[in-house]
Each structure stands twice: as structure tokens, then as C-alpha cells.
Amino acid sequence: VGVQIFGSEPDIMAREAAILAERDFDFIDINMGCP
């Protein structure tokens, strides 16, 4: 399972992705398509 995150600020995206990567998710996904 991948965890999908969304946002527009690189620093915040990186910080929260790093926290999520410590959990049991198999990959991180960035949403760039929500309309």
C-alpha cells in the first residue's frame, strides 16, 4: 500500500513524507491530479 499526500510546499511535503516513510507503507505517492 502506498500513502498519497498532497501539497505545494517542498519543505513541508518532504518533512511529512519522511515521517510517513517510517511507518509500514510500501511507498509514498504525490497527488498532482486532483481536480
All heavy atoms as atom14 arrays in JSON, in Angstrom:
{
  "sequence": "VGVQIFGSEPDIMAREAAILAERDFDFIDINMGCP",
  "atom14_mask": [
    [1, 1, 1, 1, 1, 1, 1, 0, 0, 0, 0, 0, 0, 0],
    [1, 1, 1, 1, 0, 0, 0, 0, 0, 0, 0, 0, 0, 0],
    [1, 1, 1, 1, 1, 1, 1, 0, 0, 0, 0, 0, 0, 0],
    [1, 1, 1, 1, 1, 1, 1, 1, 1, 0, 0, 0, 0, 0],
    [1, 1, 1, 1, 1, 1, 1, 1, 0, 0, 0, 0, 0, 0],
    [1, 1, 1, 1, 1, 1, 1, 1, 1, 1, 1, 0, 0, 0],
    [1, 1, 1, 1, 0, 0, 0, 0, 0, 0, 0, 0, 0, 0],
    [1, 1, 1, 1, 1, 1, 0, 0, 0, 0, 0, 0, 0, 0],
    [1, 1, 1, 1, 1, 1, 1, 1, 1, 0, 0, 0, 0, 0],
    [1, 1, 1, 1, 1, 1, 1, 0, 0, 0, 0, 0, 0, 0],
    [1, 1, 1, 1, 1, 1, 1, 1, 0, 0, 0, 0, 0, 0],
    [1, 1, 1, 1, 1, 1, 1, 1, 0, 0, 0, 0, 0, 0],
    [1, 1, 1, 1, 1, 1, 1, 1, 0, 0, 0, 0, 0, 0],
    [1, 1, 1, 1, 1, 0, 0, 0, 0, 0, 0, 0, 0, 0],
    [1, 1, 1, 1, 1, 1, 1, 1, 1, 1, 1, 0, 0, 0],
    [1, 1, 1, 1, 1, 1, 1, 1, 1, 0, 0, 0, 0, 0],
    [1, 1, 1, 1, 1, 0, 0, 0, 0, 0, 0, 0, 0, 0],
    [1, 1, 1, 1, 1, 0, 0, 0, 0, 0, 0, 0, 0, 0],
    [1, 1, 1, 1, 1, 1, 1, 1, 0, 0, 0, 0, 0, 0],
    [1, 1, 1, 1, 1, 1, 1, 1, 0, 0, 0, 0, 0, 0],
    [1, 1, 1, 1, 1, 0, 0, 0, 0, 0, 0, 0, 0, 0],
    [1, 1, 1, 1, 1, 1, 1, 1, 1, 0, 0, 0, 0, 0],
    [1, 1, 1, 1, 1, 1, 1, 1, 1, 1, 1, 0, 0, 0],
    [1, 1, 1, 1, 1, 1, 1, 1, 0, 0, 0, 0, 0, 0],
    [1, 1, 1, 1, 1, 1, 1, 1, 1, 1, 1, 0, 0, 0],
    [1, 1, 1, 1, 1, 1, 1, 1, 0, 0, 0, 0, 0, 0],
    [1, 1, 1, 1, 1, 1, 1, 1, 1, 1, 1, 0, 0, 0],
    [1, 1, 1, 1, 1, 1, 1, 1, 0, 0, 0, 0, 0, 0],
    [1, 1, 1, 1, 1, 1, 1, 1, 0, 0, 0, 0, 0, 0],
    [1, 1, 1, 1, 1, 1, 1, 1, 0, 0, 0, 0, 0, 0],
    [1, 1, 1, 1, 1, 1, 1, 1, 0, 0, 0, 0, 0, 0],
    [1, 1, 1, 1, 1, 1, 1, 1, 0, 0, 0, 0, 0, 0],
    [1, 1, 1, 1, 0, 0, 0, 0, 0, 0, 0, 0, 0, 0],
    [1, 1, 1, 1, 1, 1, 0, 0, 0, 0, 0, 0, 0, 0],
    [1, 1, 1, 1, 1, 1, 1, 0, 0, 0, 0, 0, 0, 0]
  ],
  "atom14_positions": [
    [[0.84, -1.19, 0.0], [0.0, 0.0, 0.0], [0.88, 1.24, 0.0], [1.89, 1.3, 0.7], [-0.95, 0.0, 1.22], [-0.19, -0.13, 2.52], [-1.82, 1.25, 1.23], [0.0, 0.0, 0.0], [0.0, 0.0, 0.0], [0.0, 0.0, 0.0], [0.0, 0.0, 0.0], [0.0, 0.0, 0.0], [0.0, 0.0, 0.0], [0.0, 0.0, 0.0]],
    [[0.48, 2.21, -0.81], [1.17, 3.49, -0.82], [0.33, 4.54, -0.13], [-0.9, 4.48, -0.16], [0.0, 0.0, 0.0], [0.0, 0.0, 0.0], [0.0, 0.0, 0.0], [0.0, 0.0, 0.0], [0.0, 0.0, 0.0], [0.0, 0.0, 0.0], [0.0, 0.0, 0.0], [0.0, 0.0, 0.0], [0.0, 0.0, 0.0], [0.0, 0.0, 0.0]],
    [[0.97, 5.49, 0.5], [0.25, 6.6, 1.12], [0.35, 7.79, 0.19], [1.44, 8.16, -0.25], [0.8, 6.93, 2.53], [2.28, 7.24, 2.52], [0.01, 8.09, 3.14], [0.0, 0.0, 0.0], [0.0, 0.0, 0.0], [0.0, 0.0, 0.0], [0.0, 0.0, 0.0], [0.0, 0.0, 0.0], [0.0, 0.0, 0.0], [0.0, 0.0, 0.0]],
    [[-0.8, 8.37, -0.16], [-0.8, 9.5, -1.08], [-0.93, 10.81, -0.32], [-1.86, 10.99, 0.48], [-1.94, 9.4, -2.09], [-1.83, 10.49, -3.16], [-2.96, 10.5, -4.16], [-4.09, 10.81, -3.8], [-2.66, 10.18, -5.4], [0.0, 0.0, 0.0], [0.0, 0.0, 0.0], [0.0, 0.0, 0.0], [0.0, 0.0, 0.0], [0.0, 0.0, 0.0]],
    [[0.0, 11.71, -0.57], [-0.03, 13.02, 0.08], [-0.22, 14.1, -0.99], [0.06, 13.88, -2.16], [1.26, 13.29, 0.88], [2.5, 13.28, -0.02], [1.4, 12.26, 2.0], [3.79, 13.66, 0.69], [0.0, 0.0, 0.0], [0.0, 0.0, 0.0], [0.0, 0.0, 0.0], [0.0, 0.0, 0.0], [0.0, 0.0, 0.0], [0.0, 0.0, 0.0]],
    [[-0.71, 15.25, -0.54], [-0.81, 16.37, -1.46], [-0.38, 17.64, -0.75], [-0.42, 17.74, 0.48], [-2.22, 16.51, -2.04], [-3.28, 17.0, -1.07], [-3.61, 18.34, -0.99], [-3.96, 16.1, -0.24], [-4.59, 18.79, -0.11], [-4.94, 16.53, 0.63], [-5.26, 17.89, 0.7], [0.0, 0.0, 0.0], [0.0, 0.0, 0.0], [0.0, 0.0, 0.0]],
    [[0.05, 18.62, -1.55], [0.52, 19.88, -1.02], [1.3, 20.6, -2.1], [1.42, 20.12, -3.23], [0.0, 0.0, 0.0], [0.0, 0.0, 0.0], [0.0, 0.0, 0.0], [0.0, 0.0, 0.0], [0.0, 0.0, 0.0], [0.0, 0.0, 0.0], [0.0, 0.0, 0.0], [0.0, 0.0, 0.0], [0.0, 0.0, 0.0], [0.0, 0.0, 0.0]],
    [[1.85, 21.76, -1.75], [2.58, 22.55, -2.75], [3.89, 23.13, -2.21], [4.61, 23.78, -2.96], [1.7, 23.7, -3.25], [1.34, 24.56, -2.18], [0.0, 0.0, 0.0], [0.0, 0.0, 0.0], [0.0, 0.0, 0.0], [0.0, 0.0, 0.0], [0.0, 0.0, 0.0], [0.0, 0.0, 0.0], [0.0, 0.0, 0.0], [0.0, 0.0, 0.0]],
    [[4.18, 22.88, -0.94], [5.38, 23.43, -0.34], [6.42, 22.33, -0.15], [6.22, 21.42, 0.66], [5.04, 24.08, 1.01], [4.04, 25.23, 0.86], [3.52, 25.73, 2.18], [4.32, 26.26, 2.96], [2.3, 25.59, 2.44], [0.0, 0.0, 0.0], [0.0, 0.0, 0.0], [0.0, 0.0, 0.0], [0.0, 0.0, 0.0], [0.0, 0.0, 0.0]],
    [[7.52, 22.38, -0.91], [8.5, 21.29, -0.89], [8.99, 20.91, 0.51], [9.09, 19.72, 0.82], [9.65, 21.84, -1.75], [8.97, 22.79, -2.69], [7.87, 23.43, -1.89], [0.0, 0.0, 0.0], [0.0, 0.0, 0.0], [0.0, 0.0, 0.0], [0.0, 0.0, 0.0], [0.0, 0.0, 0.0], [0.0, 0.0, 0.0], [0.0, 0.0, 0.0]],
    [[9.29, 21.9, 1.35], [9.83, 21.59, 2.67], [8.83, 20.83, 3.53], [9.18, 19.86, 4.22], [10.25, 22.88, 3.39], [11.46, 23.53, 2.73], [12.12, 22.85, 1.92], [11.75, 24.7, 3.03], [0.0, 0.0, 0.0], [0.0, 0.0, 0.0], [0.0, 0.0, 0.0], [0.0, 0.0, 0.0], [0.0, 0.0, 0.0], [0.0, 0.0, 0.0]],
    [[7.57, 21.29, 3.51], [6.54, 20.61, 4.3], [6.27, 19.22, 3.74], [6.14, 18.25, 4.5], [5.24, 21.45, 4.32], [5.48, 22.75, 5.1], [4.09, 20.65, 4.94], [4.28, 23.68, 5.12], [0.0, 0.0, 0.0], [0.0, 0.0, 0.0], [0.0, 0.0, 0.0], [0.0, 0.0, 0.0], [0.0, 0.0, 0.0], [0.0, 0.0, 0.0]],
    [[6.2, 19.1, 2.43], [5.98, 17.79, 1.8], [7.08, 16.82, 2.19], [6.83, 15.66, 2.54], [5.93, 17.95, 0.29], [4.76, 18.78, -0.23], [3.22, 17.87, -0.27], [3.45, 16.9, -1.75], [0.0, 0.0, 0.0], [0.0, 0.0, 0.0], [0.0, 0.0, 0.0], [0.0, 0.0, 0.0], [0.0, 0.0, 0.0], [0.0, 0.0, 0.0]],
    [[8.33, 17.29, 2.16], [9.47, 16.43, 2.49], [9.42, 16.0, 3.95], [9.65, 14.84, 4.28], [10.77, 17.14, 2.17], [0.0, 0.0, 0.0], [0.0, 0.0, 0.0], [0.0, 0.0, 0.0], [0.0, 0.0, 0.0], [0.0, 0.0, 0.0], [0.0, 0.0, 0.0], [0.0, 0.0, 0.0], [0.0, 0.0, 0.0], [0.0, 0.0, 0.0]],
    [[9.13, 16.95, 4.83], [9.11, 16.64, 6.27], [8.05, 15.58, 6.58], [8.33, 14.61, 7.29], [8.82, 17.91, 7.06], [8.54, 17.65, 8.53], [8.24, 18.89, 9.32], [7.65, 18.55, 10.6], [7.58, 19.36, 11.64], [8.09, 20.57, 11.56], [7.02, 18.99, 12.77], [0.0, 0.0, 0.0], [0.0, 0.0, 0.0], [0.0, 0.0, 0.0]],
    [[6.84, 15.77, 6.06], [5.77, 14.83, 6.39], [5.96, 13.49, 5.69], [5.63, 12.44, 6.24], [4.42, 15.44, 6.02], [4.11, 16.73, 6.77], [4.28, 16.6, 8.27], [3.74, 15.63, 8.85], [4.97, 17.45, 8.87], [0.0, 0.0, 0.0], [0.0, 0.0, 0.0], [0.0, 0.0, 0.0], [0.0, 0.0, 0.0], [0.0, 0.0, 0.0]],
    [[6.52, 13.51, 4.48], [6.81, 12.25, 3.79], [7.84, 11.43, 4.57], [7.73, 10.21, 4.66], [7.32, 12.54, 2.38], [0.0, 0.0, 0.0], [0.0, 0.0, 0.0], [0.0, 0.0, 0.0], [0.0, 0.0, 0.0], [0.0, 0.0, 0.0], [0.0, 0.0, 0.0], [0.0, 0.0, 0.0], [0.0, 0.0, 0.0], [0.0, 0.0, 0.0]],
    [[8.82, 12.1, 5.14], [9.83, 11.39, 5.93], [9.21, 10.71, 7.14], [9.58, 9.59, 7.51], [10.92, 12.37, 6.36], [0.0, 0.0, 0.0], [0.0, 0.0, 0.0], [0.0, 0.0, 0.0], [0.0, 0.0, 0.0], [0.0, 0.0, 0.0], [0.0, 0.0, 0.0], [0.0, 0.0, 0.0], [0.0, 0.0, 0.0], [0.0, 0.0, 0.0]],
    [[8.25, 11.37, 7.77], [7.55, 10.79, 8.91], [6.74, 9.57, 8.48], [6.75, 8.52, 9.13], [6.65, 11.84, 9.58], [7.51, 12.95, 10.21], [5.73, 11.2, 10.63], [6.71, 14.13, 10.73], [0.0, 0.0, 0.0], [0.0, 0.0, 0.0], [0.0, 0.0, 0.0], [0.0, 0.0, 0.0], [0.0, 0.0, 0.0], [0.0, 0.0, 0.0]],
    [[6.04, 9.71, 7.35], [5.23, 8.6, 6.86], [6.09, 7.42, 6.42], [5.68, 6.26, 6.54], [4.35, 9.07, 5.7], [3.24, 10.06, 6.06], [2.57, 10.58, 4.79], [2.21, 9.42, 6.98], [0.0, 0.0, 0.0], [0.0, 0.0, 0.0], [0.0, 0.0, 0.0], [0.0, 0.0, 0.0], [0.0, 0.0, 0.0], [0.0, 0.0, 0.0]],
    [[7.27, 7.71, 5.91], [8.16, 6.64, 5.44], [8.64, 5.76, 6.56], [9.1, 4.63, 6.32], [9.35, 7.25, 4.69], [0.0, 0.0, 0.0], [0.0, 0.0, 0.0], [0.0, 0.0, 0.0], [0.0, 0.0, 0.0], [0.0, 0.0, 0.0], [0.0, 0.0, 0.0], [0.0, 0.0, 0.0], [0.0, 0.0, 0.0], [0.0, 0.0, 0.0]],
    [[8.53, 6.22, 7.8], [8.92, 5.41, 8.95], [7.84, 4.39, 9.32], [8.09, 3.49, 10.13], [9.21, 6.32, 10.14], [10.41, 7.24, 9.93], [10.63, 8.17, 11.1], [9.81, 8.15, 12.05], [11.62, 8.94, 11.08], [0.0, 0.0, 0.0], [0.0, 0.0, 0.0], [0.0, 0.0, 0.0], [0.0, 0.0, 0.0], [0.0, 0.0, 0.0]],
    [[6.66, 4.54, 8.72], [5.57, 3.62, 9.0], [5.61, 2.46, 8.0], [6.55, 2.31, 7.23], [4.25, 4.38, 8.98], [4.24, 5.48, 10.04], [3.06, 6.42, 9.93], [1.79, 5.78, 10.22], [0.75, 6.4, 10.77], [0.84, 7.68, 11.11], [-0.38, 5.77, 10.99], [0.0, 0.0, 0.0], [0.0, 0.0, 0.0], [0.0, 0.0, 0.0]],
    [[4.58, 1.61, 8.04], [4.6, 0.39, 7.24], [4.15, 0.56, 5.79], [3.88, -0.43, 5.11], [3.72, -0.68, 7.9], [4.35, -1.23, 9.17], [5.6, -1.16, 9.27], [3.62, -1.71, 10.04], [0.0, 0.0, 0.0], [0.0, 0.0, 0.0], [0.0, 0.0, 0.0], [0.0, 0.0, 0.0], [0.0, 0.0, 0.0], [0.0, 0.0, 0.0]],
    [[4.03, 1.78, 5.31], [3.67, 1.99, 3.91], [4.81, 1.53, 3.02], [5.99, 1.68, 3.37], [3.35, 3.46, 3.66], [2.19, 3.98, 4.46], [2.38, 4.91, 5.47], [0.91, 3.5, 4.23], [1.32, 5.37, 6.23], [-0.17, 3.96, 4.98], [0.04, 4.89, 5.98], [0.0, 0.0, 0.0], [0.0, 0.0, 0.0], [0.0, 0.0, 0.0]],
    [[4.46, 1.01, 1.86], [5.48, 0.48, 0.96], [6.07, 1.54, 0.04], [7.17, 1.37, -0.48], [4.88, -0.66, 0.13], [4.48, -1.82, 1.01], [5.36, -2.63, 1.35], [3.3, -1.92, 1.39], [0.0, 0.0, 0.0], [0.0, 0.0, 0.0], [0.0, 0.0, 0.0], [0.0, 0.0, 0.0], [0.0, 0.0, 0.0], [0.0, 0.0, 0.0]],
    [[5.34, 2.61, -0.19], [5.85, 3.72, -1.0], [5.04, 4.97, -0.69], [3.98, 4.92, -0.07], [5.81, 3.39, -2.5], [4.43, 3.15, -3.07], [3.75, 4.15, -3.75], [3.82, 1.91, -2.95], [2.49, 3.93, -4.28], [2.55, 1.67, -3.48], [1.89, 2.69, -4.15], [0.0, 0.0, 0.0], [0.0, 0.0, 0.0], [0.0, 0.0, 0.0]],
    [[5.57, 6.1, -1.13], [4.9, 7.39, -0.97], [4.48, 7.88, -2.36], [5.22, 7.75, -3.33], [5.85, 8.45, -0.35], [6.52, 7.91, 0.92], [5.11, 9.76, -0.1], [5.59, 7.7, 2.08], [0.0, 0.0, 0.0], [0.0, 0.0, 0.0], [0.0, 0.0, 0.0], [0.0, 0.0, 0.0], [0.0, 0.0, 0.0], [0.0, 0.0, 0.0]],
    [[3.28, 8.43, -2.45], [2.8, 8.98, -3.73], [2.4, 10.44, -3.54], [1.85, 10.81, -2.49], [1.58, 8.19, -4.23], [1.07, 8.71, -5.56], [1.67, 8.37, -6.59], [0.07, 9.46, -5.57], [0.0, 0.0, 0.0], [0.0, 0.0, 0.0], [0.0, 0.0, 0.0], [0.0, 0.0, 0.0], [0.0, 0.0, 0.0], [0.0, 0.0, 0.0]],
    [[2.68, 11.25, -4.54], [2.28, 12.65, -4.5], [1.13, 12.87, -5.48], [1.24, 12.53, -6.66], [3.44, 13.59, -4.87], [4.61, 13.4, -3.9], [2.98, 15.05, -4.84], [5.85, 14.22, -4.28], [0.0, 0.0, 0.0], [0.0, 0.0, 0.0], [0.0, 0.0, 0.0], [0.0, 0.0, 0.0], [0.0, 0.0, 0.0], [0.0, 0.0, 0.0]],
    [[0.05, 13.43, -4.98], [-1.1, 13.74, -5.83], [-0.86, 15.04, -6.58], [-0.73, 16.1, -5.98], [-2.37, 13.85, -4.98], [-3.6, 14.15, -5.82], [-3.66, 15.14, -6.54], [-4.59, 13.29, -5.71], [0.0, 0.0, 0.0], [0.0, 0.0, 0.0], [0.0, 0.0, 0.0], [0.0, 0.0, 0.0], [0.0, 0.0, 0.0], [0.0, 0.0, 0.0]],
    [[-0.83, 14.94, -7.9], [-0.7, 16.11, -8.77], [-1.82, 16.11, -9.81], [-1.65, 16.64, -10.91], [0.67, 16.13, -9.44], [1.81, 16.24, -8.45], [3.42, 16.34, -9.28], [4.51, 16.54, -7.86], [0.0, 0.0, 0.0], [0.0, 0.0, 0.0], [0.0, 0.0, 0.0], [0.0, 0.0, 0.0], [0.0, 0.0, 0.0], [0.0, 0.0, 0.0]],
    [[-2.94, 15.47, -9.44], [-4.02, 15.36, -10.41], [-5.4, 15.68, -9.9], [-6.34, 15.76, -10.69], [0.0, 0.0, 0.0], [0.0, 0.0, 0.0], [0.0, 0.0, 0.0], [0.0, 0.0, 0.0], [0.0, 0.0, 0.0], [0.0, 0.0, 0.0], [0.0, 0.0, 0.0], [0.0, 0.0, 0.0], [0.0, 0.0, 0.0], [0.0, 0.0, 0.0]],
    [[-5.55, 15.87, -8.59], [-6.89, 16.13, -8.05], [-7.49, 17.38, -8.69], [-6.88, 18.45, -8.67], [-6.84, 16.3, -6.54], [-8.47, 16.64, -5.81], [0.0, 0.0, 0.0], [0.0, 0.0, 0.0], [0.0, 0.0, 0.0], [0.0, 0.0, 0.0], [0.0, 0.0, 0.0], [0.0, 0.0, 0.0], [0.0, 0.0, 0.0], [0.0, 0.0, 0.0]],
    [[-8.71, 17.29, -9.25], [-9.31, 18.44, -9.93], [-10.26, 19.27, -9.07], [-10.81, 20.26, -9.54], [-10.1, 17.76, -11.06], [-10.6, 16.5, -10.43], [-9.49, 16.05, -9.47], [0.0, 0.0, 0.0], [0.0, 0.0, 0.0], [0.0, 0.0, 0.0], [0.0, 0.0, 0.0], [0.0, 0.0, 0.0], [0.0, 0.0, 0.0], [0.0, 0.0, 0.0]]
  ]
}
